PDB file of N, CA and C in Angstrom:
ATOM      1  N   MET A   1     148.136 230.420  64.774  1.00  0.00           N
ATOM      2  CA  MET A   1     149.988 229.755  64.985  1.00  0.00           C
ATOM      3  C   MET A   1     149.394 228.410  64.536  1.00  0.00           C
ATOM      4  N   ILE A   2     150.680 227.796  64.108  1.00  0.00           N
ATOM      5  CA  ILE A   2     150.825 226.885  63.598  1.00  0.00           C
ATOM      6  C   ILE A   2     152.044 225.830  64.368  1.00  0.00           C
ATOM      7  N   ASP A   3     151.588 224.342  64.659  1.00  0.00           N
ATOM      8  CA  ASP A   3     151.825 223.846  65.673  1.00  0.00           C
ATOM      9  C   ASP A   3     152.394 222.626  64.915  1.00  0.00           C
ATOM     10  N   GLY A   4     153.587 221.797  65.368  1.00  0.00           N
ATOM     11  CA  GLY A   4     154.221 220.789  65.192  1.00  0.00           C
ATOM     12  C   GLY A   4     154.945 219.867  66.156  1.00  0.00           C
ATOM     13  N   PHE A   5     155.889 219.208  65.893  1.00  0.00           N
ATOM     14  CA  PHE A   5     156.606 218.051  66.708  1.00  0.00           C
ATOM     15  C   PHE A   5     157.453 217.654  65.565  1.00  0.00           C
ATOM     16  N   VAL A   6     158.691 217.316  66.566  1.00  0.00           N
ATOM     17  CA  VAL A   6     159.678 216.665  66.097  1.00  0.00           C
ATOM     18  C   VAL A   6     160.079 215.302  66.473  1.00  0.00           C
ATOM     19  N   GLU A   7     160.112 214.782  65.250  1.00  0.00           N
ATOM     20  CA  GLU A   7     160.192 213.350  64.933  1.00  0.00           C
ATOM     21  C   GLU A   7     161.359 212.399  65.310  1.00  0.00           C
ATOM     22  N   PRO A   8     161.279 211.314  65.711  1.00  0.00           N
ATOM     23  CA  PRO A   8     162.667 210.479  66.295  1.00  0.00           C
ATOM     24  C   PRO A   8     164.219 210.756  65.717  1.00  0.00           C
ATOM     25  N   SER A   9     163.312 211.320  63.798  1.00  0.00           N
ATOM     26  CA  SER A   9     164.889 211.489  63.290  1.00  0.00           C
ATOM     27  C   SER A   9     165.085 212.882  63.521  1.00  0.00           C
ATOM     28  N   LEU A  10     164.407 213.692  64.232  1.00  0.00           N
ATOM     29  CA  LEU A  10     164.826 215.062  64.678  1.00  0.00           C
ATOM     30  C   LEU A  10     164.198 215.983  63.552  1.00  0.00           C
ATOM     31  N   ASP A  11     163.774 215.498  62.799  1.00  0.00           N
ATOM     32  CA  ASP A  11     163.153 216.536  61.920  1.00  0.00           C
ATOM     33  C   ASP A  11     161.932 217.062  62.621  1.00  0.00           C
ATOM     34  N   ALA A  12     161.918 218.162  61.662  1.00  0.00           N
ATOM     35  CA  ALA A  12     161.037 219.417  62.320  1.00  0.00           C
ATOM     36  C   ALA A  12     159.588 219.344  61.370  1.00  0.00           C
ATOM     37  N   VAL A  13     158.439 218.672  62.064  1.00  0.00           N
ATOM     38  CA  VAL A  13     157.208 218.458  60.938  1.00  0.00           C
ATOM     39  C   VAL A  13     156.177 219.363  61.236  1.00  0.00           C
ATOM     40  N   VAL A  14     155.678 220.160  60.682  1.00  0.00           N
ATOM     41  CA  VAL A  14     154.174 220.689  60.601  1.00  0.00           C
ATOM     42  C   VAL A  14     153.108 220.122  59.576  1.00  0.00           C
ATOM     43  N   THR A  15     152.298 220.266  59.951  1.00  0.00           N
ATOM     44  CA  THR A  15     150.659 220.052  59.170  1.00  0.00           C
ATOM     45  C   THR A  15     150.801 221.279  57.911  1.00  0.00           C
ATOM     46  N   LEU A  16     150.128 221.090  57.207  1.00  0.00           N
ATOM     47  CA  LEU A  16     149.716 222.784  56.515  1.00  0.00           C
ATOM     48  C   LEU A  16     149.134 222.371  55.300  1.00  0.00           C
ATOM     49  N   ASN A  17     148.284 222.959  54.712  1.00  0.00           N
ATOM     50  CA  ASN A  17     146.990 222.932  53.902  1.00  0.00           C
ATOM     51  C   ASN A  17     147.468 223.472  52.738  1.00  0.00           C
ATOM     52  N   VAL A  18     147.876 222.653  51.138  1.00  0.00           N
ATOM     53  CA  VAL A  18     148.188 223.910  50.076  1.00  0.00           C
ATOM     54  C   VAL A  18     147.050 223.686  48.937  1.00  0.00           C
ATOM     55  N   ARG A  19     146.989 224.345  48.311  1.00  0.00           N
ATOM     56  CA  ARG A  19     145.875 224.400  47.186  1.00  0.00           C
ATOM     57  C   ARG A  19     146.382 224.327  45.364  1.00  0.00           C
ATOM     58  N   GLY A  20     145.791 223.924  44.426  1.00  0.00           N
ATOM     59  CA  GLY A  20     145.926 224.834  43.684  1.00  0.00           C
ATOM     60  C   GLY A  20     144.922 224.145  42.781  1.00  0.00           C
ATOM     61  N   PRO A  21     144.169 224.569  41.331  1.00  0.00           N
ATOM     62  CA  PRO A  21     142.669 224.400  40.505  1.00  0.00           C
ATOM     63  C   PRO A  21     142.763 223.159  41.039  1.00  0.00           C
ATOM     64  N   GLU A  22     143.166 222.178  40.962  1.00  0.00           N
ATOM     65  CA  GLU A  22     142.556 221.033  41.435  1.00  0.00           C
ATOM     66  C   GLU A  22     142.021 220.075  42.329  1.00  0.00           C
ATOM     67  N   GLY A  23     142.228 221.386  43.241  1.00  0.00           N
ATOM     68  CA  GLY A  23     141.613 220.303  44.611  1.00  0.00           C
ATOM     69  C   GLY A  23     142.849 221.164  45.729  1.00  0.00           C
ATOM     70  N   SER A  24     142.727 220.179  46.635  1.00  0.00           N
ATOM     71  CA  SER A  24     143.632 220.793  48.157  1.00  0.00           C
ATOM     72  C   SER A  24     144.409 219.672  48.722  1.00  0.00           C
ATOM     73  N   GLU A  25     145.306 219.703  49.468  1.00  0.00           N
ATOM     74  CA  GLU A  25     145.524 218.456  50.624  1.00  0.00           C
ATOM     75  C   GLU A  25     146.665 219.082  51.796  1.00  0.00           C
ATOM     76  N   THR A  26     146.576 218.339  52.854  1.00  0.00           N
ATOM     77  CA  THR A  26     146.979 218.273  54.033  1.00  0.00           C
ATOM     78  C   THR A  26     147.658 217.783  54.115  1.00  0.00           C
ATOM     79  N   ILE A  27     149.344 218.419  53.866  1.00  0.00           N
ATOM     80  CA  ILE A  27     150.247 217.371  54.044  1.00  0.00           C
ATOM     81  C   ILE A  27     151.280 217.774  55.440  1.00  0.00           C
ATOM     82  N   ASP A  28     152.484 216.831  55.676  1.00  0.00           N
ATOM     83  CA  ASP A  28     153.092 217.248  56.630  1.00  0.00           C
ATOM     84  C   ASP A  28     154.416 217.608  56.073  1.00  0.00           C
ATOM     85  N   VAL A  29     154.706 219.019  56.361  1.00  0.00           N
ATOM     86  CA  VAL A  29     156.033 219.706  55.688  1.00  0.00           C
ATOM     87  C   VAL A  29     156.920 219.623  57.045  1.00  0.00           C
ATOM     88  N   VAL A  30     158.486 219.050  56.390  1.00  0.00           N
ATOM     89  CA  VAL A  30     159.784 219.467  57.462  1.00  0.00           C
ATOM     90  C   VAL A  30     159.962 220.957  57.179  1.00  0.00           C
ATOM     91  N   VAL A  31     160.170 221.600  58.332  1.00  0.00           N
ATOM     92  CA  VAL A  31     160.859 222.572  58.294  1.00  0.00           C
ATOM     93  C   VAL A  31     162.167 222.917  57.872  1.00  0.00           C
ATOM     94  N   ASP A  32     162.961 223.966  56.970  1.00  0.00           N
ATOM     95  CA  ASP A  32     163.987 223.187  56.747  1.00  0.00           C
ATOM     96  C   ASP A  32     164.563 225.015  56.648  1.00  0.00           C
ATOM     97  N   THR A  33     165.461 225.057  57.581  1.00  0.00           N
ATOM     98  CA  THR A  33     166.272 226.731  57.814  1.00  0.00           C
ATOM     99  C   THR A  33     167.276 226.906  56.687  1.00  0.00           C
ATOM    100  N   GLY A  34     167.644 225.870  55.959  1.00  0.00           N
ATOM    101  CA  GLY A  34     168.524 226.418  54.916  1.00  0.00           C
ATOM    102  C   GLY A  34     168.514 226.076  53.408  1.00  0.00           C
ATOM    103  N   PHE A  35     166.535 226.115  53.406  1.00  0.00           N
ATOM    104  CA  PHE A  35     165.787 226.103  51.686  1.00  0.00           C
ATOM    105  C   PHE A  35     165.344 227.565  52.343  1.00  0.00           C
ATOM    106  N   SER A  36     165.842 228.302  51.257  1.00  0.00           N
ATOM    107  CA  SER A  36     165.433 229.814  51.562  1.00  0.00           C
ATOM    108  C   SER A  36     164.341 230.362  50.327  1.00  0.00           C
ATOM    109  N   GLY A  37     163.406 228.877  49.697  1.00  0.00           N
ATOM    110  CA  GLY A  37     162.217 229.159  48.771  1.00  0.00           C
ATOM    111  C   GLY A  37     161.256 229.324  49.611  1.00  0.00           C
ATOM    112  N   TRP A  38     160.241 229.081  49.183  1.00  0.00           N
ATOM    113  CA  TRP A  38     158.855 229.049  50.125  1.00  0.00           C
ATOM    114  C   TRP A  38     158.445 227.510  50.468  1.00  0.00           C
ATOM    115  N   ILE A  39     157.884 226.573  49.369  1.00  0.00           N
ATOM    116  CA  ILE A  39     157.717 225.263  49.703  1.00  0.00           C
ATOM    117  C   ILE A  39     157.910 224.707  48.576  1.00  0.00           C
ATOM    118  N   SER A  40     158.292 222.889  49.135  1.00  0.00           N
ATOM    119  CA  SER A  40     158.354 222.479  48.165  1.00  0.00           C
ATOM    120  C   SER A  40     157.749 220.798  48.189  1.00  0.00           C
ATOM    121  N   LEU A  41     157.468 220.342  46.810  1.00  0.00           N
ATOM    122  CA  LEU A  41     156.518 219.321  47.101  1.00  0.00           C
ATOM    123  C   LEU A  41     156.890 218.460  45.568  1.00  0.00           C
ATOM    124  N   PRO A  42     156.441 216.924  45.968  1.00  0.00           N
ATOM    125  CA  PRO A  42     156.826 216.012  45.015  1.00  0.00           C
ATOM    126  C   PRO A  42     156.174 215.953  43.733  1.00  0.00           C
ATOM    127  N   SER A  43     156.968 215.609  42.744  1.00  0.00           N
ATOM    128  CA  SER A  43     156.500 215.822  41.681  1.00  0.00           C
ATOM    129  C   SER A  43     154.892 215.089  41.810  1.00  0.00           C
ATOM    130  N   HIS A  44     154.250 214.108  42.207  1.00  0.00           N
ATOM    131  CA  HIS A  44     153.148 213.923  42.311  1.00  0.00           C
ATOM    132  C   HIS A  44     151.845 214.497  42.491  1.00  0.00           C
ATOM    133  N   LEU A  45     152.309 215.105  43.521  1.00  0.00           N
ATOM    134  CA  LEU A  45     151.475 216.272  44.562  1.00  0.00           C
ATOM    135  C   LEU A  45     151.055 217.513  43.311  1.00  0.00           C
ATOM    136  N   VAL A  46     152.413 217.672  42.681  1.00  0.00           N
ATOM    137  CA  VAL A  46     151.700 219.218  41.957  1.00  0.00           C
ATOM    138  C   VAL A  46     151.144 219.038  40.636  1.00  0.00           C
ATOM    139  N   ARG A  47     151.040 217.871  40.516  1.00  0.00           N
ATOM    140  CA  ARG A  47     150.489 216.856  39.311  1.00  0.00           C
ATOM    141  C   ARG A  47     148.788 217.009  40.064  1.00  0.00           C
ATOM    142  N   ARG A  48     149.150 216.110  41.152  1.00  0.00           N
ATOM    143  CA  ARG A  48     147.094 215.866  41.432  1.00  0.00           C
ATOM    144  C   ARG A  48     146.729 217.321  41.894  1.00  0.00           C
ATOM    145  N   LEU A  49     147.516 218.296  42.299  1.00  0.00           N
ATOM    146  CA  LEU A  49     146.955 219.363  42.555  1.00  0.00           C
ATOM    147  C   LEU A  49     146.673 220.596  41.188  1.00  0.00           C
ATOM    148  N   GLY A  50     147.008 219.561  40.523  1.00  0.00           N
ATOM    149  CA  GLY A  50     146.792 220.716  39.026  1.00  0.00           C
ATOM    150  C   GLY A  50     147.769 222.033  38.749  1.00  0.00           C
ATOM    151  N   LEU A  51     148.791 222.375  39.748  1.00  0.00           N
ATOM    152  CA  LEU A  51     149.742 223.670  39.942  1.00  0.00           C
ATOM    153  C   LEU A  51     149.904 224.177  38.834  1.00  0.00           C
ATOM    154  N   PRO A  52     150.104 225.066  38.557  1.00  0.00           N
ATOM    155  CA  PRO A  52     150.302 225.908  37.127  1.00  0.00           C
ATOM    156  C   PRO A  52     151.673 226.143  37.104  1.00  0.00           C
ATOM    157  N   TRP A  53     152.439 226.010  35.977  1.00  0.00           N
ATOM    158  CA  TRP A  53     153.902 226.058  35.994  1.00  0.00           C
ATOM    159  C   TRP A  53     154.033 227.684  36.172  1.00  0.00           C
ATOM    160  N   MET A  54     155.157 228.096  36.309  1.00  0.00           N
ATOM    161  CA  MET A  54     155.548 229.364  36.512  1.00  0.00           C
ATOM    162  C   MET A  54     156.944 229.580  35.752  1.00  0.00           C
ATOM    163  N   ARG A  55     157.990 228.824  36.009  1.00  0.00           N
ATOM    164  CA  ARG A  55     159.163 228.909  35.235  1.00  0.00           C
ATOM    165  C   ARG A  55     160.329 227.980  35.543  1.00  0.00           C
ATOM    166  N   SER A  56     161.622 227.949  35.125  1.00  0.00           N
ATOM    167  CA  SER A  56     162.636 227.109  35.586  1.00  0.00           C
ATOM    168  C   SER A  56     163.608 227.776  36.158  1.00  0.00           C
ATOM    169  N   GLY A  57     163.745 227.173  36.964  1.00  0.00           N
ATOM    170  CA  GLY A  57     165.516 228.067  38.140  1.00  0.00           C
ATOM    171  C   GLY A  57     166.346 227.092  38.273  1.00  0.00           C
ATOM    172  N   ARG A  58     167.480 227.108  39.222  1.00  0.00           N
ATOM    173  CA  ARG A  58     168.244 226.463  39.527  1.00  0.00           C
ATOM    174  C   ARG A  58     168.238 226.836  41.065  1.00  0.00           C
ATOM    175  N   ALA A  59     169.039 225.720  41.767  1.00  0.00           N
ATOM    176  CA  ALA A  59     168.891 226.013  43.220  1.00  0.00           C
ATOM    177  C   ALA A  59     170.051 225.329  43.891  1.00  0.00           C
ATOM    178  N   ALA A  60     170.943 225.817  44.656  1.00  0.00           N
ATOM    179  CA  ALA A  60     172.094 224.920  45.418  1.00  0.00           C
ATOM    180  C   ALA A  60     171.750 224.041  46.280  1.00  0.00           C
ATOM    181  N   LEU A  61     171.682 222.901  46.479  1.00  0.00           N
ATOM    182  CA  LEU A  61     171.783 221.908  47.323  1.00  0.00           C
ATOM    183  C   LEU A  61     172.859 222.058  48.721  1.00  0.00           C
ATOM    184  N   ALA A  62     172.606 221.323  49.501  1.00  0.00           N
ATOM    185  CA  ALA A  62     173.440 221.448  51.005  1.00  0.00           C
ATOM    186  C   ALA A  62     175.004 220.658  50.753  1.00  0.00           C
ATOM    187  N   ASP A  63     174.937 219.850  49.986  1.00  0.00           N
ATOM    188  CA  ASP A  63     176.153 219.516  49.192  1.00  0.00           C
ATOM    189  C   ASP A  63     176.642 220.332  48.272  1.00  0.00           C
ATOM    190  N   GLY A  64     176.186 221.379  48.069  1.00  0.00           N
ATOM    191  CA  GLY A  64     176.860 222.438  46.485  1.00  0.00           C
ATOM    192  C   GLY A  64     176.586 221.911  45.505  1.00  0.00           C
ATOM    193  N   THR A  65     175.478 221.053  45.399  1.00  0.00           N
ATOM    194  CA  THR A  65     175.589 220.549  44.111  1.00  0.00           C
ATOM    195  C   THR A  65     174.558 221.334  43.179  1.00  0.00           C
ATOM    196  N   GLU A  66     174.711 222.004  42.362  1.00  0.00           N
ATOM    197  CA  GLU A  66     173.594 223.120  41.677  1.00  0.00           C
ATOM    198  C   GLU A  66     172.723 222.089  40.675  1.00  0.00           C
ATOM    199  N   VAL A  67     171.293 221.738  40.884  1.00  0.00           N
ATOM    200  CA  VAL A  67     170.238 221.079  40.066  1.00  0.00           C
ATOM    201  C   VAL A  67     169.137 222.443  39.408  1.00  0.00           C
ATOM    202  N   LYS A  68     168.379 221.898  38.104  1.00  0.00           N
ATOM    203  CA  LYS A  68     167.292 223.060  37.652  1.00  0.00           C
ATOM    204  C   LYS A  68     166.210 221.894  38.269  1.00  0.00           C
ATOM    205  N   MET A  69     165.659 222.788  38.553  1.00  0.00           N
ATOM    206  CA  MET A  69     163.934 222.469  38.901  1.00  0.00           C
ATOM    207  C   MET A  69     162.753 223.443  38.953  1.00  0.00           C
ATOM    208  N   GLU A  70     162.054 223.377  38.292  1.00  0.00           N
ATOM    209  CA  GLU A  70     160.461 223.703  37.946  1.00  0.00           C
ATOM    210  C   GLU A  70     159.952 224.349  38.967  1.00  0.00           C
ATOM    211  N   VAL A  71     159.252 225.457  38.600  1.00  0.00           N
ATOM    212  CA  VAL A  71     158.782 226.138  40.354  1.00  0.00           C
ATOM    213  C   VAL A  71     157.276 226.489  39.132  1.00  0.00           C
ATOM    214  N   TYR A  72     156.690 226.135  40.433  1.00  0.00           N
ATOM    215  CA  TYR A  72     154.643 226.333  40.031  1.00  0.00           C
ATOM    216  C   TYR A  72     153.931 227.473  40.696  1.00  0.00           C
ATOM    217  N   ASP A  73     153.125 227.718  40.210  1.00  0.00           N
ATOM    218  CA  ASP A  73     152.252 228.507  41.133  1.00  0.00           C
ATOM    219  C   ASP A  73     151.049 228.094  42.086  1.00  0.00           C
ATOM    220  N   GLY A  74     151.056 228.030  43.806  1.00  0.00           N
ATOM    221  CA  GLY A  74     150.136 227.149  44.097  1.00  0.00           C
ATOM    222  C   GLY A  74     149.590 228.079  45.450  1.00  0.00           C
ATOM    223  N   GLU A  75     148.747 227.911  46.632  1.00  0.00           N
ATOM    224  CA  GLU A  75     148.692 228.876  47.597  1.00  0.00           C
ATOM    225  C   GLU A  75     148.775 227.449  49.032  1.00  0.00           C
ATOM    226  N   VAL A  76     149.137 227.984  50.196  1.00  0.00           N
ATOM    227  CA  VAL A  76     149.247 227.487  51.565  1.00  0.00           C
ATOM    228  C   VAL A  76     148.782 228.398  52.744  1.00  0.00           C
ATOM    229  N   GLU A  77     147.670 227.432  53.145  1.00  0.00           N
ATOM    230  CA  GLU A  77     147.313 227.940  54.372  1.00  0.00           C
ATOM    231  C   GLU A  77     147.878 228.474  54.988  1.00  0.00           C
ATOM    232  N   TRP A  78     148.593 229.818  55.593  1.00  0.00           N
ATOM    233  CA  TRP A  78     149.082 230.174  56.608  1.00  0.00           C
ATOM    234  C   TRP A  78     149.180 231.428  57.855  1.00  0.00           C
ATOM    235  N   HIS A  79     149.184 231.038  58.922  1.00  0.00           N
ATOM    236  CA  HIS A  79     148.372 231.842  59.577  1.00  0.00           C
ATOM    237  C   HIS A  79     147.268 232.531  59.576  1.00  0.00           C
ATOM    238  N   ASP A  80     146.549 233.396  59.068  1.00  0.00           N
ATOM    239  CA  ASP A  80     145.615 233.794  59.002  1.00  0.00           C
ATOM    240  C   ASP A  80     144.424 234.001  57.989  1.00  0.00           C
ATOM    241  N   GLY A  81     145.150 233.406  56.723  1.00  0.00           N
ATOM    242  CA  GLY A  81     144.346 232.937  55.546  1.00  0.00           C
ATOM    243  C   GLY A  81     145.191 232.194  54.681  1.00  0.00           C
ATOM    244  N   TRP A  82     145.095 231.904  53.494  1.00  0.00           N
ATOM    245  CA  TRP A  82     145.623 231.614  52.557  1.00  0.00           C
ATOM    246  C   TRP A  82     146.559 232.910  51.742  1.00  0.00           C
ATOM    247  N   ARG A  83     147.730 232.260  51.099  1.00  0.00           N
ATOM    248  CA  ARG A  83     148.401 233.004  50.878  1.00  0.00           C
ATOM    249  C   ARG A  83     149.366 232.071  49.496  1.00  0.00           C
ATOM    250  N   ALA A  84     149.516 233.061  48.029  1.00  0.00           N
ATOM    251  CA  ALA A  84     150.221 232.769  47.118  1.00  0.00           C
ATOM    252  C   ALA A  84     151.523 232.625  46.705  1.00  0.00           C
ATOM    253  N   VAL A  85     152.265 231.216  46.815  1.00  0.00           N
ATOM    254  CA  VAL A  85     153.452 231.102  47.145  1.00  0.00           C
ATOM    255  C   VAL A  85     154.035 230.087  46.034  1.00  0.00           C
ATOM    256  N   ALA A  86     155.579 230.126  45.401  1.00  0.00           N
ATOM    257  CA  ALA A  86     156.083 229.802  44.753  1.00  0.00           C
ATOM    258  C   ALA A  86     156.242 228.338  45.060  1.00  0.00           C
ATOM    259  N   ILE A  87     156.037 227.594  44.483  1.00  0.00           N
ATOM    260  CA  ILE A  87     156.442 225.832  44.790  1.00  0.00           C
ATOM    261  C   ILE A  87     157.190 224.952  44.255  1.00  0.00           C
ATOM    262  N   ASP A  88     158.376 224.704  44.931  1.00  0.00           N
ATOM    263  CA  ASP A  88     159.305 223.944  44.250  1.00  0.00           C
ATOM    264  C   ASP A  88     159.154 222.544  43.944  1.00  0.00           C
ATOM    265  N   GLU A  89     159.470 222.329  42.775  1.00  0.00           N
ATOM    266  CA  GLU A  89     158.865 220.324  42.243  1.00  0.00           C
ATOM    267  C   GLU A  89     160.372 220.046  42.833  1.00  0.00           C
ATOM    268  N   ALA A  90     160.239 219.197  43.898  1.00  0.00           N
ATOM    269  CA  ALA A  90     161.632 218.417  44.541  1.00  0.00           C
ATOM    270  C   ALA A  90     160.715 216.653  44.361  1.00  0.00           C
ATOM    271  N   ASP A  91     161.659 215.839  44.356  1.00  0.00           N
ATOM    272  CA  ASP A  91     161.144 214.877  44.264  1.00  0.00           C
ATOM    273  C   ASP A  91     161.643 214.486  46.120  1.00  0.00           C
ATOM    274  N   THR A  92     161.452 215.016  46.858  1.00  0.00           N
ATOM    275  CA  THR A  92     161.910 214.832  48.498  1.00  0.00           C
ATOM    276  C   THR A  92     160.854 214.747  49.081  1.00  0.00           C
ATOM    277  N   ASP A  93     161.362 214.749  50.556  1.00  0.00           N
ATOM    278  CA  ASP A  93     159.772 215.137  51.491  1.00  0.00           C
ATOM    279  C   ASP A  93     159.671 216.300  50.985  1.00  0.00           C
ATOM    280  N   PRO A  94     158.196 216.933  51.531  1.00  0.00           N
ATOM    281  CA  PRO A  94     157.869 218.330  50.874  1.00  0.00           C
ATOM    282  C   PRO A  94     158.800 219.039  52.478  1.00  0.00           C
ATOM    283  N   LEU A  95     159.269 220.049  52.033  1.00  0.00           N
ATOM    284  CA  LEU A  95     160.118 221.396  52.595  1.00  0.00           C
ATOM    285  C   LEU A  95     159.020 222.601  52.857  1.00  0.00           C
ATOM    286  N   VAL A  96     159.048 223.225  53.893  1.00  0.00           N
ATOM    287  CA  VAL A  96     158.830 224.459  54.273  1.00  0.00           C
ATOM    288  C   VAL A  96     160.435 225.288  54.173  1.00  0.00           C
ATOM    289  N   GLY A  97     160.622 226.706  53.509  1.00  0.00           N
ATOM    290  CA  GLY A  97     161.621 227.230  53.914  1.00  0.00           C
ATOM    291  C   GLY A  97     161.752 228.325  54.199  1.00  0.00           C
ATOM    292  N   MET A  98     162.307 229.442  54.460  1.00  0.00           N
ATOM    293  CA  MET A  98     162.631 230.518  54.998  1.00  0.00           C
ATOM    294  C   MET A  98     161.560 231.736  54.402  1.00  0.00           C
ATOM    295  N   SER A  99     161.362 232.086  52.986  1.00  0.00           N
ATOM    296  CA  SER A  99     160.995 232.892  52.330  1.00  0.00           C
ATOM    297  C   SER A  99     159.115 232.483  53.101  1.00  0.00           C
ATOM    298  N   LEU A 100     158.397 231.417  53.700  1.00  0.00           N
ATOM    299  CA  LEU A 100     157.276 231.361  54.020  1.00  0.00           C
ATOM    300  C   LEU A 100     157.818 231.682  55.158  1.00  0.00           C
ATOM    301  N   LEU A 101     158.360 231.562  55.779  1.00  0.00           N
ATOM    302  CA  LEU A 101     158.777 231.579  57.650  1.00  0.00           C
ATOM    303  C   LEU A 101     159.037 233.290  57.788  1.00  0.00           C
ATOM    304  N   ARG A 102     159.624 234.256  56.536  1.00  0.00           N
ATOM    305  CA  ARG A 102     159.507 235.468  56.654  1.00  0.00           C
ATOM    306  C   ARG A 102     158.642 235.977  58.216  1.00  0.00           C
ATOM    307  N   GLN A 103     159.223 236.987  58.509  1.00  0.00           N
ATOM    308  CA  GLN A 103     157.982 237.699  59.288  1.00  0.00           C
ATOM    309  C   GLN A 103     156.786 236.811  60.467  1.00  0.00           C
ATOM    310  N   SER A 104     157.749 235.212  60.841  1.00  0.00           N
ATOM    311  CA  SER A 104     157.165 234.466  61.772  1.00  0.00           C
ATOM    312  C   SER A 104     158.048 234.115  63.113  1.00  0.00           C
ATOM    313  N   ARG A 105     157.641 233.637  64.005  1.00  0.00           N
ATOM    314  CA  ARG A 105     158.947 233.283  64.892  1.00  0.00           C
ATOM    315  C   ARG A 105     158.253 232.239  65.031  1.00  0.00           C
ATOM    316  N   LEU A 106     159.841 231.333  65.022  1.00  0.00           N
ATOM    317  CA  LEU A 106     159.602 229.737  65.066  1.00  0.00           C
ATOM    318  C   LEU A 106     160.118 229.238  66.034  1.00  0.00           C
ATOM    319  N   VAL A 107     159.607 228.260  67.067  1.00  0.00           N
ATOM    320  CA  VAL A 107     160.348 228.222  68.584  1.00  0.00           C
ATOM    321  C   VAL A 107     160.178 226.277  68.245  1.00  0.00           C
ATOM    322  N   ILE A 108     160.842 225.468  68.303  1.00  0.00           N
ATOM    323  CA  ILE A 108     161.665 224.213  68.600  1.00  0.00           C
ATOM    324  C   ILE A 108     162.386 223.784  69.568  1.00  0.00           C
ATOM    325  N   GLU A 109     161.540 222.773  70.231  1.00  0.00           N
ATOM    326  CA  GLU A 109     161.842 221.987  71.327  1.00  0.00           C
ATOM    327  C   GLU A 109     163.339 220.777  70.570  1.00  0.00           C
ATOM    328  N   VAL A 110     163.844 221.245  70.550  1.00  0.00           N
ATOM    329  CA  VAL A 110     164.769 219.899  69.163  1.00  0.00           C
ATOM    330  C   VAL A 110     165.061 219.049  70.446  1.00  0.00           C
ATOM    331  N   THR A 111     164.224 217.892  70.457  1.00  0.00           N
ATOM    332  CA  THR A 111     164.117 216.571  71.374  1.00  0.00           C
ATOM    333  C   THR A 111     162.719 215.901  70.894  1.00  0.00           C
ATOM    334  N   GLU A 112     163.111 215.010  70.757  1.00  0.00           N
ATOM    335  CA  GLU A 112     162.469 213.554  69.689  1.00  0.00           C
ATOM    336  C   GLU A 112     160.967 214.055  71.044  1.00  0.00           C
ATOM    337  N   GLY A 113     159.910 214.289  69.799  1.00  0.00           N
ATOM    338  CA  GLY A 113     158.244 214.854  70.433  1.00  0.00           C
ATOM    339  C   GLY A 113     158.363 215.764  70.480  1.00  0.00           C
ATOM    340  N   GLY A 114     159.513 216.757  70.827  1.00  0.00           N
ATOM    341  CA  GLY A 114     159.582 218.124  71.326  1.00  0.00           C
ATOM    342  C   GLY A 114     158.311 219.283  70.211  1.00  0.00           C
ATOM    343  N   HIS A 115     157.918 220.172  71.117  1.00  0.00           N
ATOM    344  CA  HIS A 115     156.717 221.031  70.525  1.00  0.00           C
ATOM    345  C   HIS A 115     157.629 222.449  69.306  1.00  0.00           C
ATOM    346  N   ILE A 116     156.829 222.284  68.246  1.00  0.00           N
ATOM    347  CA  ILE A 116     157.239 223.098  66.842  1.00  0.00           C
ATOM    348  C   ILE A 116     155.469 224.525  67.394  1.00  0.00           C
ATOM    349  N   ARG A 117     156.671 225.481  67.242  1.00  0.00           N
ATOM    350  CA  ARG A 117     155.281 226.801  67.416  1.00  0.00           C
ATOM    351  C   ARG A 117     155.681 227.609  66.072  1.00  0.00           C
ATOM    352  N   ILE A 118     154.459 228.288  65.060  1.00  0.00           N
ATOM    353  CA  ILE A 118     155.175 229.226  64.467  1.00  0.00           C
ATOM    354  C   ILE A 118     154.266 229.819  64.531  1.00  0.00           C
ATOM    355  N   GLU A 119     154.460 231.441  64.907  1.00  0.00           N
ATOM    356  CA  GLU A 119     153.033 232.226  64.859  1.00  0.00           C
ATOM    357  C   GLU A 119     154.199 233.602  64.387  1.00  0.00           C
ATOM    358  N   PRO A 120     152.769 234.113  63.994  1.00  0.00           N
ATOM    359  CA  PRO A 120     153.139 235.649  63.236  1.00  0.00           C
ATOM    360  C   PRO A 120     153.786 236.822  64.046  1.00  0.00           C
ATOM    361  N   LEU A 121     154.850 237.603  63.637  1.00  0.00           N
ATOM    362  CA  LEU A 121     155.283 238.599  64.582  1.00  0.00           C
ATOM    363  C   LEU A 121     154.468 239.787  64.450  1.00  0.00           C
ATOM    364  N   GLY A 122     154.449 240.163  65.680  1.00  0.00           N
ATOM    365  CA  GLY A 122     153.398 241.279  65.699  1.00  0.00           C
ATOM    366  C   GLY A 122     154.398 242.825  65.616  1.00  0.00           C
ATOM    367  N   ASN A 123     153.502 243.593  66.087  1.00  0.00           N
ATOM    368  CA  ASN A 123     154.487 244.868  65.989  1.00  0.00           C
ATOM    369  C   ASN A 123     154.948 244.985  67.535  1.00  0.00           C
ATOM    370  N   GLU A 124     155.831 244.561  67.767  1.00  0.00           N
ATOM    371  CA  GLU A 124     157.032 244.701  68.750  1.00  0.00           C
ATOM    372  C   GLU A 124     158.044 245.859  69.176  1.00  0.00           C
ATOM    373  N   SER A 125     158.220 245.653  70.086  1.00  0.00           N
ATOM    374  CA  SER A 125     159.004 247.189  70.138  1.00  0.00           C
ATOM    375  C   SER A 125     160.893 246.827  70.691  1.00  0.00           C
TER     376      SER A 125
END
């Protein structure tokens, strides 16, 4: 289970471990249900972790603007182990998106200081 909290700005924040060939970082990421990707990191973290480049891509922002972005190969500690993920380079706060949240239950108490819980979905009927 992954736990977090809701900031005064109402951002839902969890702490994750991310790694690449040059090391690992423990970072706070904002849960963004409008982001369909896995995880995004700012350029300085992509460089510090030495993440290998995978491809260029395009993304549509919330305001409808389309932007070009670079995508890198990395790993994130998720539920019961390390998971290979595509990491979008974006000079914003780090985000976790719906691709990483797939097959998880997300519970957010949407109030300042509220609790966030992310847990794997089991074989439920």
